[in-house]
C-alpha cells in the first residue's frame, strides 16, 4: 500500500484528478492509524485482547457469533421494516446501516464524502483517506452465493437502499477474514494533516457535503446548524 500526504486543498484536488481515468472508491477514517478492518473484525480483535487478559472468560465471539447476531437481527427487525431483504447480502447492508457489527467495510464513490468522514471530528490525530484505484479488479457480489463463504475481496452495491446510503454514494467490500486488514497494491493511503481539517471541512460544506446531506433528516439538519452556528 502506497502513502501520500494531504496538507492543503490543492493536494485533495490533485488526488481526485489522479483517479479521473479509473473507477475508484474511497474510505475516510478519522485516525490515520485505523486500518481497513470492518466493525465485526475489530470486535474479534478486541475480544482476543480481552481473552488474553482474562483467560477464564467463557464468552466467545467468532464466526458463529456473527451468524447468530445477524439471525437475531432478522427475527427482531421484521416489525420495523417496510421491505424485507431478499438475501443475506441485503440483510448485512440493513444491519450495518443500523449499527450492528458486520463484515462489511464502508466505501463511497464520492471522494468528498470520504473527506467529510475523515475530518468531521477535530481531535488530536491526523486522519486518512483510503483510495482503491479501480473496482473492476474486484469480484462482484452474487446473490446466489453466501457472503460468509467468499474467498476473494468482493464488491457489494447494496440493493436494499436507504436514503443515507444513497446520499453517501455508499457501497461495500467484504473480505474472507474479517480480522485481517485489507491491503492491496492498488490502494493508496492519503494522510490528512490535522492542521488542515478546518479548511477541508469548510470546503466540503461549500461543495454541498455536510451533516444535513450525509445524514438526511432532522438529526442531520440540527447537526449541521450546531456545527456552523455554535462552534
Protein backbone atom coordinates (compact mmCIF):
# COMPACT_ATOMS: atom_id res chain seq x y z
CA UNK A 1 0.00 0.00 0.00
CA UNK A 2 1.35 3.38 -1.01
CA UNK A 3 1.10 6.51 1.15
CA UNK A 4 0.79 10.20 0.35
CA UNK A 5 0.12 13.40 2.28
CA UNK A 6 -2.75 15.90 2.08
CA UNK A 7 -1.89 19.15 3.83
CA UNK A 8 -3.86 21.65 1.72
CA UNK A 9 -6.92 21.84 -0.51
CA UNK A 10 -4.82 21.61 -3.66
CA UNK A 11 -3.47 18.24 -2.52
CA UNK A 12 -7.03 16.94 -2.20
CA UNK A 13 -7.98 18.20 -5.65
CA UNK A 14 -4.85 16.62 -7.13
CA UNK A 15 -5.81 13.33 -5.51
CA UNK A 16 -9.28 13.45 -7.05
CA UNK A 17 -7.92 14.34 -10.50
CA UNK A 18 -5.43 11.49 -10.40
CA UNK A 19 -8.32 8.98 -10.48
CA UNK A 20 -10.30 10.57 -13.31
CA UNK A 21 -9.45 7.75 -15.75
CA UNK A 22 -10.39 4.93 -13.34
CA UNK A 23 -13.32 3.61 -11.29
CA UNK A 24 -12.10 4.36 -7.76
CA UNK A 25 -13.73 4.08 -4.35
CA UNK A 26 -12.76 5.94 -1.19
CA UNK A 27 -12.95 5.44 2.56
CA UNK A 28 -12.35 8.22 5.09
CA UNK A 29 -11.17 7.42 8.61
CA UNK A 30 -10.78 9.91 11.46
CA UNK A 31 -7.47 8.45 12.65
CA UNK A 32 -4.61 7.58 10.31
CA UNK A 33 -3.87 4.54 12.49
CA UNK A 34 -7.19 2.93 11.58
CA UNK A 35 -6.69 0.04 9.18
CA UNK A 36 -9.14 -1.34 6.63
CA UNK A 37 -10.92 -3.64 9.07
CA UNK A 38 -14.69 -3.97 9.42
CA UNK A 39 -16.59 -3.38 12.65
CA UNK A 40 -17.01 -7.11 13.15
CA UNK A 41 -13.31 -7.66 12.53
CA UNK A 42 -12.48 -5.13 15.22
CA UNK A 43 -14.89 -6.90 17.58
CA UNK A 44 -12.99 -10.15 17.02
CA UNK A 45 -9.63 -8.49 17.66
CA UNK A 46 -10.91 -6.69 20.76
CA UNK A 47 -12.33 -9.94 22.13
CA UNK A 48 -8.98 -11.69 21.68
CA UNK A 49 -7.35 -8.89 23.64
CA UNK A 50 -9.91 -9.35 26.43
CA UNK A 51 -9.27 -13.10 26.45
CA UNK A 52 -5.54 -12.52 26.80
CA UNK A 53 -6.24 -10.57 29.99
CA UNK A 54 -9.00 -12.84 31.29
CA UNK A 55 -8.22 -16.38 30.03
CA UNK A 56 -11.02 -17.94 32.09
CA UNK A 57 -13.68 -15.99 30.22
CA UNK A 58 -16.06 -18.42 28.50
CA UNK A 59 -17.94 -15.93 26.32
CA UNK A 60 -16.94 -16.45 22.68
CA UNK A 61 -17.04 -14.03 19.75
CA UNK A 62 -16.36 -15.85 16.45
CA UNK A 63 -17.91 -16.65 13.09
CA UNK A 64 -20.82 -18.48 14.72
CA UNK A 65 -21.45 -15.40 16.85
CA UNK A 66 -21.62 -13.31 13.67
CA UNK A 67 -24.30 -15.51 12.14
CA UNK A 68 -26.17 -15.73 15.42
CA UNK A 69 -26.40 -11.97 15.86
CA UNK A 70 -27.49 -11.48 12.24
CA UNK A 71 -30.23 -14.10 12.67
CA UNK A 72 -31.39 -12.38 15.84
CA UNK A 73 -31.46 -9.05 13.97
CA UNK A 74 -33.56 -10.67 11.22
CA UNK A 75 -36.05 -12.00 13.76
CA UNK A 76 -36.43 -8.78 15.70
CA UNK A 77 -36.28 -6.31 12.77
CA UNK A 78 -39.31 -7.63 10.83
CA UNK A 79 -41.94 -5.44 12.60
CA UNK A 80 -39.94 -2.29 11.83
CA UNK A 81 -39.12 -2.66 8.14
CA UNK A 82 -41.31 -2.00 5.12
CA UNK A 83 -39.49 -4.19 2.60
CA UNK A 84 -37.94 -7.48 3.72
CA UNK A 85 -34.41 -8.08 2.34
CA UNK A 86 -34.12 -10.88 -0.20
CA UNK A 87 -30.83 -12.42 0.93
CA UNK A 88 -28.00 -12.19 3.45
CA UNK A 89 -26.19 -9.55 1.39
CA UNK A 90 -29.19 -7.23 1.81
CA UNK A 91 -29.63 -8.18 5.47
CA UNK A 92 -26.00 -7.33 6.17
CA UNK A 93 -26.46 -3.95 4.48
CA UNK A 94 -29.51 -3.17 6.60
CA UNK A 95 -27.87 -4.37 9.82
CA UNK A 96 -24.72 -2.36 9.10
CA UNK A 97 -26.80 0.74 8.46
CA UNK A 98 -28.41 0.43 11.88
CA UNK A 99 -25.18 -0.18 13.79
CA UNK A 100 -24.80 -3.95 14.04
CA UNK A 101 -21.14 -5.02 13.64
CA UNK A 102 -20.83 -6.83 10.31
CA UNK A 103 -18.05 -7.88 7.97
CA UNK A 104 -18.99 -5.09 5.55
CA UNK A 105 -16.44 -2.34 5.01
CA UNK A 106 -17.99 1.01 4.05
CA UNK A 107 -16.72 2.87 0.96
CA UNK A 108 -18.02 5.66 -1.24
CA UNK A 109 -17.66 6.62 -4.87
CA UNK A 110 -17.61 10.30 -3.83
CA UNK A 111 -14.20 11.49 -2.54
CA UNK A 112 -15.87 14.47 -0.80
CA UNK A 113 -17.92 12.05 1.31
CA UNK A 114 -14.73 10.24 2.31
CA UNK A 115 -13.17 13.60 3.17
CA UNK A 116 -16.18 14.51 5.32
CA UNK A 117 -15.86 11.36 7.43
CA UNK A 118 -12.12 11.84 7.75
CA UNK A 119 -12.24 15.43 9.05
CA UNK A 120 -15.73 15.52 10.61
CA UNK A 121 -14.28 15.43 14.13
CA UNK A 122 -11.26 17.55 15.02
CA UNK A 123 -9.28 15.56 17.56
CA UNK A 124 -5.59 15.07 18.28
CA UNK A 125 -4.80 12.78 15.35
CA UNK A 126 -4.15 13.07 11.65
CA UNK A 127 -6.89 11.46 9.56
CA UNK A 128 -6.71 9.46 6.33
CA UNK A 129 -8.49 8.63 3.11
CA UNK A 130 -8.01 5.21 1.55
CA UNK A 131 -8.44 5.12 -2.21
CA UNK A 132 -8.81 1.89 -4.18
CA UNK A 133 -7.79 2.75 -7.72
CA UNK A 134 -10.19 0.64 -9.74
CA UNK A 135 -13.10 -1.52 -8.61
CA UNK A 136 -13.03 -3.52 -11.84
CA UNK A 137 -10.36 -5.74 -10.26
CA UNK A 138 -12.77 -6.90 -7.51
CA UNK A 139 -15.21 -9.78 -7.60
CA UNK A 140 -18.85 -8.68 -7.65
CA UNK A 141 -21.35 -9.91 -5.09
CA UNK A 142 -23.54 -12.76 -6.32
CA UNK A 143 -26.94 -13.05 -4.65
CA UNK A 144 -26.82 -16.82 -5.19
CA UNK A 145 -23.73 -17.15 -3.00
CA UNK A 146 -23.37 -16.68 0.73
CA UNK A 147 -21.42 -13.59 1.87
CA UNK A 148 -19.95 -15.78 4.60
CA UNK A 149 -18.29 -18.14 2.11
CA UNK A 150 -16.46 -15.71 -0.17
CA UNK A 151 -12.75 -16.22 -0.79
CA UNK A 152 -11.68 -13.12 -2.71
CA UNK A 153 -12.34 -9.44 -1.80
CA UNK A 154 -15.84 -8.78 -3.08
CA UNK A 155 -17.64 -5.58 -4.04
CA UNK A 156 -21.26 -5.07 -2.99
CA UNK A 157 -23.55 -2.45 -4.49
CA UNK A 158 -26.40 -2.60 -1.97
CA UNK A 159 -29.82 -3.43 -3.34
CA UNK A 160 -31.57 -2.67 -0.06
CA UNK A 161 -31.05 1.07 -0.28
CA UNK A 162 -31.71 3.70 2.35
CA UNK A 163 -31.64 7.48 1.94
CA UNK A 164 -28.40 7.60 3.93
CA UNK A 165 -26.64 5.06 1.69
CA UNK A 166 -27.84 6.96 -1.38
CA UNK A 167 -26.73 10.36 -0.06
CA UNK A 168 -23.33 8.97 0.89
CA UNK A 169 -22.85 7.28 -2.52
CA UNK A 170 -22.24 4.19 -0.44
CA UNK A 171 -21.09 0.70 -1.32
CA UNK A 172 -19.20 -2.04 0.49
CA UNK A 173 -16.44 -4.58 0.27
CA UNK A 174 -16.45 -7.95 2.01
CA UNK A 175 -13.41 -10.00 2.98
CA UNK A 176 -12.97 -13.65 3.84
CA UNK A 177 -11.02 -12.95 7.04
CA UNK A 178 -12.60 -10.00 8.88
CA UNK A 179 -9.68 -9.83 11.33
CA UNK A 180 -7.11 -9.21 8.62
CA UNK A 181 -6.62 -5.64 7.39
CA UNK A 182 -7.37 -5.22 3.69
CA UNK A 183 -4.15 -4.38 1.89
CA UNK A 184 -3.56 -4.17 -1.83
CA UNK A 185 -1.05 -2.56 -4.17
CA UNK A 186 -3.96 -0.75 -5.84
CA UNK A 187 -4.75 1.11 -2.59
CA UNK A 188 -3.20 4.45 -1.64
CA UNK A 189 -3.49 5.88 1.86
CA UNK A 190 -3.68 9.67 1.92
CA UNK A 191 -2.77 11.03 5.35
CA UNK A 192 -4.60 14.28 6.15
CA UNK A 193 -2.73 16.61 8.46
CA UNK A 194 -4.77 17.75 11.45
CA UNK A 195 -3.85 21.40 10.80
CA UNK A 196 -5.96 21.50 7.62
CA UNK A 197 -9.11 19.82 8.98
CA UNK A 198 -10.97 23.12 9.31
CA UNK A 199 -10.31 24.36 5.78
CA UNK A 200 -11.11 20.96 4.25
CA UNK A 201 -14.29 20.69 6.30
CA UNK A 202 -15.33 24.14 5.13
CA UNK A 203 -14.54 23.23 1.53
CA UNK A 204 -16.69 20.07 1.70
CA UNK A 205 -19.55 22.13 3.13
CA UNK A 206 -19.31 24.64 0.26
CA UNK A 207 -19.46 21.72 -2.19
CA UNK A 208 -22.67 20.50 -0.53
CA UNK A 209 -21.29 17.70 1.62
CA UNK A 210 -22.18 18.28 5.26
CA UNK A 211 -24.20 16.83 8.14
CA UNK A 212 -27.56 17.68 6.57
CA UNK A 213 -26.76 15.82 3.34
CA UNK A 214 -24.75 12.94 4.83
CA UNK A 215 -27.41 12.26 7.50
CA UNK A 216 -30.70 13.16 5.77
CA UNK A 217 -33.48 14.11 8.16
CA UNK A 218 -33.94 16.29 11.21
CA UNK A 219 -30.91 14.87 13.04
CA UNK A 220 -28.61 15.85 10.18
CA UNK A 221 -30.12 19.33 9.95
CA UNK A 222 -29.56 20.01 13.66
CA UNK A 223 -26.02 18.62 13.49
CA UNK A 224 -25.26 20.98 10.62
CA UNK A 225 -26.77 24.01 12.37
CA UNK A 226 -24.99 23.21 15.61
CA UNK A 227 -21.64 22.77 13.90
CA UNK A 228 -21.63 26.04 11.98
CA UNK A 229 -23.64 28.25 14.34
CA UNK A 230 -22.27 27.22 17.74
CA UNK A 231 -18.61 26.47 17.07
